[in-house]
Protein backbone atom coordinates (compact mmCIF):
# COMPACT_ATOMS: atom_id res chain seq x y z
CA MET A 1 94.52 105.36 61.29
CA SER A 2 96.37 107.38 63.88
CA TYR A 3 95.02 110.49 65.57
CA LEU A 4 98.24 111.26 67.46
CA ILE A 5 98.86 114.11 65.44
CA VAL A 6 99.54 116.36 66.43
CA ILE A 7 99.60 115.50 64.78
CA SER A 8 101.21 115.76 61.47
CA LEU A 9 99.86 118.42 64.27
CA SER A 10 103.30 118.08 61.95
CA PHE A 11 102.09 117.86 60.62
CA PHE A 12 102.27 120.65 59.81
CA ILE A 13 104.84 122.03 62.00
CA TYR A 14 108.13 121.94 60.18
CA SER A 15 110.08 121.13 63.31
CA CYS A 16 110.14 122.97 66.52
CA THR A 17 111.78 120.74 69.17
CA THR A 18 112.53 119.13 72.54
CA GLU A 19 110.60 116.77 74.75
CA GLU A 20 111.23 118.17 78.21
CA ILE A 21 108.65 117.21 80.85
CA THR A 22 107.88 120.11 83.18
CA PRO A 23 105.10 121.52 85.34
CA SER A 24 105.83 125.02 84.01
CA ASP A 25 104.56 126.86 80.95
CA SER A 26 107.67 129.05 80.84
CA GLN A 27 109.79 128.40 77.75
CA GLU A 28 112.99 129.16 79.65
CA GLU A 29 112.04 126.76 82.42
CA VAL A 30 111.26 124.10 79.82
CA ASP A 31 114.74 124.44 78.38
CA ASP A 32 116.52 124.36 81.74
CA SER A 33 114.52 121.66 83.49
CA THR A 34 116.07 118.44 84.72
CA ASP A 35 114.93 114.97 83.71
CA GLU A 36 111.37 114.66 85.01
CA THR A 37 111.26 110.92 84.29
CA GLU A 38 113.49 110.47 87.34
CA LYS A 39 112.14 113.35 89.46
CA PRO A 40 108.35 113.60 89.36
CA SER A 41 106.67 116.68 90.77
CA ASN A 42 106.47 116.70 94.58
CA GLU A 43 102.97 118.15 94.25
CA VAL A 44 101.56 114.86 92.99
CA VAL A 45 100.34 112.40 95.61
CA ASP A 46 102.63 109.36 95.96
CA LYS A 47 100.20 106.64 96.99
CA GLU A 48 99.69 103.10 95.72
CA ILE A 49 96.15 101.88 95.07
CA SER A 50 95.81 98.16 94.40
CA LEU A 51 93.95 97.26 91.21
CA GLY A 52 94.30 93.50 91.60
CA ASN A 53 96.33 91.01 89.56
CA GLY A 54 99.55 92.66 90.72
CA GLN A 55 98.60 96.02 89.18
CA VAL A 56 98.61 99.29 91.09
CA PHE A 57 97.75 102.91 90.40
CA ASN A 58 100.02 105.69 91.62
CA MET A 59 99.40 109.30 90.56
CA LYS A 60 103.13 110.01 90.62
CA TYR A 61 103.93 107.22 88.17
CA PHE A 62 100.90 107.99 86.05
CA MET A 63 102.37 111.44 85.45
CA ILE A 64 105.82 110.00 84.73
CA SER A 65 104.49 107.59 82.11
CA ILE A 66 101.77 109.72 80.47
CA ASN A 67 104.40 112.40 79.83
CA GLN A 68 106.34 109.90 77.72
CA ILE A 69 103.91 107.53 76.03
CA LEU A 70 101.21 109.70 74.54
CA PHE A 71 102.88 111.56 71.70
CA ASN A 72 103.99 110.10 68.41
CA PRO A 73 107.61 108.99 69.03
CA SER A 74 109.03 111.37 66.43
CA GLU A 75 107.15 114.26 68.11
CA ARG A 76 108.54 113.68 71.61
CA LYS A 77 111.54 115.92 70.90
CA ARG A 78 109.19 118.88 70.44
CA MET A 79 106.21 118.12 72.71
CA PHE A 80 105.69 117.96 76.46
CA MET A 81 102.84 117.90 78.96
CA THR A 82 101.86 120.15 81.86
CA HIS A 83 99.25 119.33 84.48
CA ASP A 84 96.64 120.91 86.74
CA ILE A 85 97.20 119.39 90.18
CA ASP A 86 94.79 120.10 93.04
CA LYS A 87 95.67 120.55 96.71
CA GLU A 88 95.20 116.81 97.28
CA GLY A 89 97.89 116.03 94.73
CA ILE A 90 95.42 114.75 92.13
CA ILE A 91 95.83 115.46 88.40
CA ASN A 92 92.46 116.61 87.09
CA GLN A 93 93.51 117.66 83.60
CA SER A 94 96.66 117.84 81.51
CA PHE A 95 97.80 119.95 78.58
CA TRP A 96 99.80 119.24 75.43
CA ASN A 97 102.50 121.77 74.61
CA PHE A 98 105.00 122.41 71.82
CA SER A 99 108.51 123.54 72.68
CA TYR A 100 110.42 126.39 71.07
CA VAL A 101 107.56 128.39 69.58
CA GLY A 102 106.96 130.50 72.67
CA SER A 103 103.37 131.12 73.72
CA PHE A 104 102.10 129.62 70.44
CA GLY A 105 102.96 126.18 71.83
CA ASN A 106 101.26 126.52 75.21
CA ARG A 107 98.27 124.32 76.03
CA VAL A 108 97.37 123.49 72.46
CA VAL A 109 95.26 120.50 73.55
CA THR A 110 93.41 119.94 76.85
CA MET A 111 93.25 116.40 78.19
CA GLN A 112 90.44 115.54 80.62
CA HIS A 113 90.94 112.59 82.98
CA SER A 114 88.21 110.25 84.21
CA LEU A 115 88.76 109.35 87.89
CA ASP A 116 86.84 106.76 89.90
CA SER A 117 85.88 107.03 93.59
CA LYS A 118 89.43 106.06 94.60
CA ASP A 119 90.99 108.73 92.35
CA VAL A 120 92.26 106.12 89.89
CA ILE A 121 92.57 107.45 86.33
CA ASN A 122 91.05 104.79 84.10
CA SER A 123 90.80 106.85 80.92
CA SER A 124 91.35 110.29 79.40
CA THR A 125 89.81 112.22 76.51
CA ILE A 126 90.89 114.99 74.18
CA GLU A 127 89.09 116.79 71.37
CA ILE A 128 90.87 117.75 68.16
CA TYR A 129 88.96 119.42 65.32
CA ASP A 130 85.64 118.30 66.86
CA THR A 131 86.85 114.69 67.06
CA GLN A 132 86.86 113.09 70.51
CA ILE A 133 89.70 110.68 71.18
CA THR A 134 89.72 108.40 74.23
CA TYR A 135 92.68 106.69 75.91
CA GLU A 136 92.21 103.74 78.30
CA TYR A 137 95.05 102.55 80.54
CA ILE A 138 96.44 99.38 82.08
CA TYR A 139 99.08 99.76 84.81
CA ASP A 140 102.01 97.61 85.93
CA GLU A 141 103.09 96.62 89.44
CA LYS A 142 104.74 100.02 89.97
CA GLY A 143 101.94 102.18 88.61
CA LEU A 144 103.47 102.99 85.23
CA ILE A 145 101.18 102.69 82.20
CA SER A 146 102.00 99.35 80.57
CA SER A 147 99.26 99.29 77.90
CA MET A 148 96.91 101.81 76.31
CA ASN A 149 93.92 101.63 73.97
CA GLU A 150 93.19 104.61 71.70
CA SER A 151 89.67 105.07 70.31
CA ALA A 152 88.03 107.63 68.02
CA PHE A 153 84.34 107.85 67.13
CA GLY A 154 83.90 104.97 69.59
CA ILE A 155 86.10 102.69 67.46
CA LEU A 156 89.39 101.20 68.67
CA VAL A 157 92.10 102.51 66.35
CA ASN A 158 95.36 101.70 68.17
CA ARG A 159 96.66 99.47 70.97
CA TYR A 160 100.06 100.04 72.56
CA ASN A 161 102.42 98.24 74.95
CA TYR A 162 105.24 99.99 76.85
CA GLU A 163 108.50 99.05 78.55
CA TYR A 164 110.60 101.19 80.92
CA ASN A 165 114.09 101.07 82.41
CA GLU A 166 115.07 101.36 86.08
CA LYS A 167 114.96 105.17 85.78
CA ASN A 168 111.32 104.99 84.63
CA GLN A 169 112.33 106.13 81.16
CA LEU A 170 110.31 104.76 78.25
CA MET A 171 112.57 102.35 76.39
CA LYS A 172 110.14 100.67 74.01
CA LYS A 173 106.73 101.47 72.54
CA GLN A 174 104.89 98.91 70.43
CA ASN A 175 101.85 99.60 68.29
CA ILE A 176 100.03 96.27 68.31
CA ASN A 177 97.69 97.17 65.45
CA ASN A 178 100.36 97.79 62.83
CA ASN A 179 103.24 95.87 64.44
CA VAL A 180 105.59 98.84 64.66
CA THR A 181 108.10 99.04 67.53
CA TYR A 182 109.93 102.18 68.68
CA SER A 183 113.06 102.14 70.85
CA PHE A 184 114.65 105.11 72.64
CA VAL A 185 118.14 106.02 73.87
CA TYR A 186 118.70 108.92 76.29
CA ASN A 187 121.65 111.07 77.31
CA THR A 188 122.56 111.87 80.91
CA ASP A 189 120.16 114.84 80.88
CA GLY A 190 117.25 112.59 79.99
CA LYS A 191 116.93 113.87 76.43
CA ILE A 192 116.30 111.48 73.56
CA ILE A 193 119.41 111.13 71.43
CA SER A 194 118.25 108.17 69.35
CA LEU A 195 114.90 106.83 68.15
CA THR A 196 114.64 103.59 66.17
CA GLU A 197 111.49 102.49 64.36
CA GLU A 198 111.17 98.82 63.37
CA PHE A 199 108.56 97.60 60.89
CA GLU A 200 108.77 94.22 59.14
CA SER A 201 112.55 94.01 59.73
CA ILE A 202 113.07 97.50 58.27
CA PHE A 203 114.84 99.85 60.68
CA THR A 204 114.74 103.64 60.61
CA THR A 205 116.95 105.40 63.15
CA TYR A 206 116.88 109.10 64.03
CA ASN A 207 119.76 110.70 65.92
CA TYR A 208 119.41 114.04 67.74
CA SER A 209 122.08 116.46 68.94
CA TYR A 210 121.69 119.38 71.37
CA ASP A 211 123.71 122.40 72.43
CA ALA A 212 124.82 123.21 75.99
CA GLN A 213 121.49 124.95 76.72
CA GLY A 214 119.50 121.91 75.63
CA TYR A 215 118.32 123.27 72.29
CA LEU A 216 117.96 120.73 69.50
CA LEU A 217 120.61 121.52 66.89
CA SER A 218 120.08 118.77 64.36
CA GLU A 219 118.34 115.50 63.58
CA LYS A 220 119.45 112.87 61.09
CA SER A 221 118.23 109.47 59.94
CA ASN A 222 119.82 106.48 58.24
CA TRP A 223 117.56 107.21 55.21
CA ASN A 224 119.31 110.50 54.35
CA TYR A 225 116.89 112.73 56.23
CA LYS A 226 118.47 115.65 58.11
CA ARG A 227 117.39 118.99 59.53
CA ASP A 228 119.28 121.77 61.34
CA TYR A 229 117.80 124.46 63.59
CA LYS A 230 118.42 128.07 64.63
CA TYR A 231 116.76 130.07 67.42
CA ASP A 232 116.04 133.69 68.30
CA ASN A 233 117.02 135.46 71.53
CA GLN A 234 113.82 134.22 73.20
CA GLY A 235 114.63 130.58 72.57
CA ARG A 236 112.08 130.24 69.78
CA ILE A 237 112.93 128.46 66.57
CA SER A 238 113.71 131.01 63.85
CA GLU A 239 114.96 128.80 61.01
CA SER A 240 115.19 125.17 60.04
CA LEU A 241 116.91 123.73 57.00
CA GLY A 242 116.66 120.18 55.79
CA GLY A 243 114.72 117.37 54.18
CA THR A 244 115.31 114.00 52.56
CA SER A 245 116.03 114.35 48.86
CA ALA A 246 116.21 118.16 48.96
CA GLU A 247 116.68 120.84 51.61
CA TYR A 248 113.77 123.15 52.37
CA LEU A 249 114.38 126.38 54.30
CA SER A 250 111.70 127.31 56.84
CA LYS A 251 111.63 130.73 58.54
CA TYR A 252 109.48 131.55 61.57
CA GLU A 253 108.17 135.08 62.14
CA TYR A 254 106.40 135.93 65.42
CA THR A 255 103.99 138.74 66.32
CA ASP A 256 101.71 139.10 69.35
CA ASN A 257 99.10 136.58 68.19
CA GLN A 258 100.34 135.43 64.78
CA LEU A 259 103.05 132.99 63.76
CA THR A 260 103.98 132.96 60.08
CA LEU A 261 105.97 130.05 58.73
CA LYS A 262 107.65 130.81 55.38
CA ILE A 263 108.86 127.77 53.45
CA TYR A 264 111.29 128.08 50.55
CA PRO A 265 111.87 125.10 48.23
CA PRO A 266 115.44 124.43 47.05
CA GLU A 267 116.50 126.21 43.88
CA ASN A 268 116.85 122.95 41.97
CA SER A 269 113.47 121.66 43.15
CA THR A 270 110.78 120.47 40.74
CA ASN A 271 108.28 122.51 42.77
CA ILE A 272 107.19 125.51 40.74
CA TYR A 273 106.10 127.64 43.70
CA ILE A 274 108.67 130.10 45.02
CA ARG A 275 107.39 130.29 48.59
CA LYS A 276 104.67 128.90 50.80
CA ASP A 277 103.35 130.82 53.83
CA GLU A 278 101.43 129.21 56.69
CA VAL A 279 99.78 131.57 59.16
CA TYR A 280 98.82 130.37 62.66
CA MET A 281 96.73 132.42 65.08
CA ASP A 282 97.34 132.21 68.85
CA LYS A 283 98.39 128.53 68.75
CA ILE A 284 100.59 126.38 66.52
CA THR A 285 97.61 124.05 66.04
CA ASN A 286 95.37 126.83 64.71
CA LEU A 287 96.29 127.16 61.04
CA LYS A 288 94.11 129.96 59.63
CA TYR A 289 95.35 130.12 56.07
CA PHE A 290 98.20 129.31 53.70
CA VAL A 291 99.46 130.98 50.52
CA TYR A 292 101.37 129.40 47.62
CA TYR A 293 103.33 132.03 45.70
CA TYR A 294 104.19 131.35 42.06
CA GLU A 295 106.04 133.63 39.66
CA GLU A 296 102.90 135.23 38.22
CA PHE A 297 100.06 134.23 40.55
CA ALA A 298 99.29 133.10 44.10
CA ILE A 299 96.68 130.82 45.66
CA LYS A 300 95.41 131.31 49.19
CA GLY A 301 93.50 128.70 51.20
CA LEU A 302 91.39 129.61 54.25
CA LEU A 303 90.66 126.88 56.79
CA ASN A 304 87.71 126.30 59.12
CA THR A 305 87.60 124.92 62.67
CA LYS A 306 87.64 121.37 61.30
CA ASN A 307 90.98 122.10 59.61
CA LYS A 308 89.33 121.87 56.19
CA ILE A 309 89.61 124.45 53.40
CA ASP A 310 86.50 126.64 53.24
CA GLU A 311 87.66 129.05 50.57
CA ARG A 312 90.41 129.45 47.97
CA GLN A 313 91.43 132.77 46.45
CA TYR A 314 93.36 133.38 43.24
CA PHE A 315 95.62 136.43 42.86
CA THR A 316 97.98 137.86 40.31
CA ASN A 317 101.46 138.15 41.83
CA ASN A 318 103.82 141.01 41.08
CA ASN A 319 106.82 140.49 43.39
CA PHE A 320 104.50 139.51 46.28
CA ASP A 321 102.10 142.36 45.54
CA LEU A 322 98.82 140.45 45.17
CA LYS A 323 95.62 141.42 43.36
CA LEU A 324 92.48 139.31 43.73
CA VAL A 325 91.08 137.81 40.51
CA GLY A 326 88.45 135.39 41.84
CA ASN A 327 87.67 132.83 44.51
CA SER A 328 85.92 129.56 45.23
CA LYS A 329 83.92 128.50 48.29
CA VAL A 330 83.16 124.96 49.42
CA ASP A 331 79.38 124.65 49.79
CA SER A 332 79.31 121.16 51.31
CA ARG A 333 81.48 118.17 52.20
CA TYR A 334 80.93 114.48 52.76
CA ARG A 335 81.13 112.84 56.19
CA ASP A 336 79.60 115.68 58.22
CA GLY A 337 82.05 118.22 56.91
CA TYR A 338 85.21 116.15 57.44
CA GLY A 339 85.34 114.38 54.09
CA HIS A 340 86.02 115.34 50.49
CA LYS A 341 84.33 118.26 48.80
CA LYS A 342 80.77 117.63 47.65
CA GLN A 343 80.02 120.98 46.00
CA GLU A 344 82.06 124.10 45.27
CA SER A 345 81.08 127.47 43.78
CA PHE A 346 83.32 129.92 41.91
CA TYR A 347 82.93 133.72 42.03
CA ASN A 348 84.41 136.67 40.17
CA THR A 349 85.56 139.84 41.94
CA LYS A 350 82.06 141.32 41.64
CA GLY A 351 80.71 138.45 43.74
CA ASP A 352 78.87 136.86 40.82
CA LYS A 353 78.64 133.06 40.93
CA ILE A 354 80.00 131.91 37.58
CA TYR A 355 80.43 128.13 38.04
CA VAL A 356 79.26 125.33 40.32
CA ILE A 357 81.08 122.01 40.47
CA THR A 358 79.96 118.85 42.25
CA TYR A 359 82.24 115.98 43.23
CA THR A 360 81.71 112.31 43.96
CA GLU A 361 83.71 110.65 46.73
CA GLU A 362 85.53 108.77 43.98
CA GLY A 363 86.77 112.07 42.52
CA GLU A 364 84.46 112.49 39.52
CA PHE A 365 83.49 116.07 38.58
CA THR A 366 80.24 117.50 37.18
CA TYR A 367 80.36 121.08 35.87
CA TYR A 368 77.53 123.64 35.88
CA LYS A 369 77.06 127.28 35.06
CA GLY A 370 76.54 129.67 37.95
CA ASP A 371 72.82 128.80 38.13
CA GLY A 372 73.83 125.34 39.40
CA THR A 373 71.51 123.53 36.95
CA THR A 374 72.90 124.08 33.45
CA LYS A 375 75.49 121.39 32.76
CA ILE A 376 78.68 122.24 30.90
CA SER A 377 81.98 120.52 30.19
CA LYS A 378 85.38 121.48 31.54
CA SER A 379 86.32 122.78 28.10
CA ASP A 380 83.58 125.41 28.48
CA ILE A 381 85.52 127.00 31.34
CA THR A 382 87.61 129.75 29.75
CA GLU A 383 88.95 131.53 32.83
CA GLN A 384 92.52 130.40 33.47
CA TRP A 385 92.30 131.18 37.19
CA VAL A 386 89.39 128.75 37.60
CA LEU A 387 91.40 126.03 35.89
CA GLU A 388 94.38 126.78 38.14
CA LEU A 389 92.22 126.39 41.25
CA LEU A 390 90.81 123.13 39.90
CA ASN A 391 94.29 121.78 39.29
CA HIS A 392 95.78 122.99 42.57
């Protein structure tokens, strides 16, 4: 189980880009910065602290390595870190950022560092969707992070080992838990041009190309995946086109505090929806709702702070002119609100509760009338929109 989302945070982002390491939040400075793996910030204290057994801590090399190791390898091209550094040159907290989505990518996650009396960082924590994740570090003879343990809910979920070259660039990352190894190749500007993933003698290689300004133009893999990118006059991604078996077109629309991602399936796709919208507020990690548009209807899902769907709405669709027909609300979930639905209620446009459905964790349904006590069968549900929501 991996919490380095950010995540599928993929998650769910259909490809922004670059992995520049910079102390600035400015998008233009991110794009124009030089390779920070070779030139750490002069603001960070450069002092070795012996940890015994040939290991040392050095704030400068902590910053160099944490900038490279933390993110999922495939996300490094689009994510970077910034840091709060005090007047003593100590990093007190760090921030995760996404490139090429403007202010929507700034400081999406805050990382708090735990320092001992000698200002050695032994561990760090982040919180994503109310889940606390902890990282514990082991350092090499130079002060670079050589190993890291990742825990969630107090349980160890991943262990990693790292190797660097003479320029302090991360060359290899190994996940001990699942025996996956990642290898990196860089260009002269310090950008990743090749990433290879090895698992049980199966190799997947991604190649990246950039323009003269450092913008990611395309990525391709040896398994027929490819994606191309376009940008607006502010250096923000405006379009991406690609996929594995079929090419999906994604368009990005920006307003002051809202980013709308419109996804169009290929014309020959087996998908029956004609467009999917994802709407983010303030940050690329804050997905507020999504809408699937079909020829004659649309389904909207509203998310809560735990990134779970709270409500679904069903509309008729007349050329993207929507009219509400009914909605459902999740009354409860398993696992303190993080698990599968436990109970859901369905309402008509008057606000009348017309059905209640309960779910087991194994996926079995029990149907009730709106009173929540009178059992019925699925065949008793005559409203097509309710059936569509159940099947969606």
